[in-house]
Amino acid sequence: MKIKEKIYEGIKNMGPGELSVLYEQVRLMAKIKQKSKGKRRSCYSVKEIQEMTSSSKGSWADTVSFEREERL
């Protein structure tokens, strides 16, 4: 299954609270993209990363590990 399909399927199974958190994450990503529009950066400051991930309830490290295992 491709990543977009996984995302769409995950969204279909989310409740209102989870959708609210997801929407906030999307807004933060768009805000950061807007700020950096025109300037290409390869890294973010620790403060920016903390701001982007502050509302996340899950473990991003576990998610990355799981995704890597699926590719093997």
Protein backbone atom coordinates (compact mmCIF):
# COMPACT_ATOMS: atom_id res chain seq x y z
CA MET A 1 0.00 0.00 0.00
CA LYS A 2 1.35 3.42 -0.94
CA ILE A 3 1.79 6.16 1.63
CA LYS A 4 -1.13 8.29 0.38
CA GLU A 5 -3.45 5.28 0.57
CA LYS A 6 -2.26 4.58 4.11
CA ILE A 7 -2.90 8.19 5.09
CA TYR A 8 -6.38 8.24 3.56
CA GLU A 9 -7.27 4.95 5.25
CA GLY A 10 -5.97 6.22 8.58
CA ILE A 11 -8.01 9.41 8.29
CA LYS A 12 -11.18 7.45 7.56
CA ASN A 13 -10.76 5.60 10.86
CA MET A 14 -10.12 8.71 13.01
CA GLY A 15 -12.52 10.21 15.50
CA PRO A 16 -13.20 13.93 15.92
CA GLY A 17 -10.45 14.42 18.52
CA GLU A 18 -7.84 12.74 16.38
CA LEU A 19 -8.92 14.73 13.33
CA SER A 20 -8.56 17.93 15.33
CA VAL A 21 -4.98 17.04 16.28
CA LEU A 22 -4.20 16.07 12.68
CA TYR A 23 -5.62 19.33 11.37
CA GLU A 24 -3.47 21.31 13.79
CA GLN A 25 -0.38 19.43 12.58
CA VAL A 26 -1.28 20.20 8.96
CA ARG A 27 -1.74 23.88 9.80
CA LEU A 28 1.65 24.00 11.51
CA MET A 29 3.32 22.33 8.54
CA ALA A 30 1.69 24.79 6.13
CA LYS A 31 2.76 27.71 8.33
CA ILE A 32 6.37 26.52 8.34
CA LYS A 33 6.26 25.90 4.59
CA GLN A 34 4.90 29.41 4.06
CA LYS A 35 7.71 30.91 6.16
CA SER A 36 10.38 29.03 4.28
CA LYS A 37 8.86 29.58 0.83
CA GLY A 38 11.59 30.79 -1.43
CA LYS A 39 14.38 29.77 0.89
CA ARG A 40 15.47 26.16 0.87
CA ARG A 41 16.65 24.75 4.21
CA SER A 42 17.98 21.34 4.97
CA CYS A 43 17.36 21.55 8.72
CA TYR A 44 15.12 23.13 11.32
CA SER A 45 15.94 24.58 14.70
CA VAL A 46 15.16 22.55 17.82
CA LYS A 47 12.49 25.10 18.74
CA GLU A 48 10.76 24.69 15.36
CA ILE A 49 10.78 20.90 15.67
CA GLN A 50 9.38 21.09 19.19
CA GLU A 51 6.63 23.42 17.98
CA MET A 52 5.73 21.08 15.11
CA THR A 53 5.63 17.99 17.31
CA SER A 54 4.25 19.46 20.55
CA SER A 55 0.66 18.35 19.95
CA SER A 56 1.60 14.84 18.84
CA LYS A 57 0.54 12.17 21.30
CA GLY A 58 2.32 9.22 19.60
CA SER A 59 5.93 8.18 19.36
CA TRP A 60 7.45 9.36 16.12
CA ALA A 61 10.48 7.10 16.63
CA ASP A 62 8.22 4.04 16.84
CA THR A 63 6.39 5.12 13.69
CA VAL A 64 9.63 5.55 11.75
CA SER A 65 10.90 2.17 12.95
CA PHE A 66 7.64 0.51 11.95
CA GLU A 67 7.70 2.09 8.49
CA ARG A 68 11.30 0.96 7.95
CA GLU A 69 10.42 -2.60 8.99
CA GLU A 70 7.58 -2.65 6.43
CA ARG A 71 10.02 -1.78 3.64
CA LEU A 72 12.37 -4.65 4.45
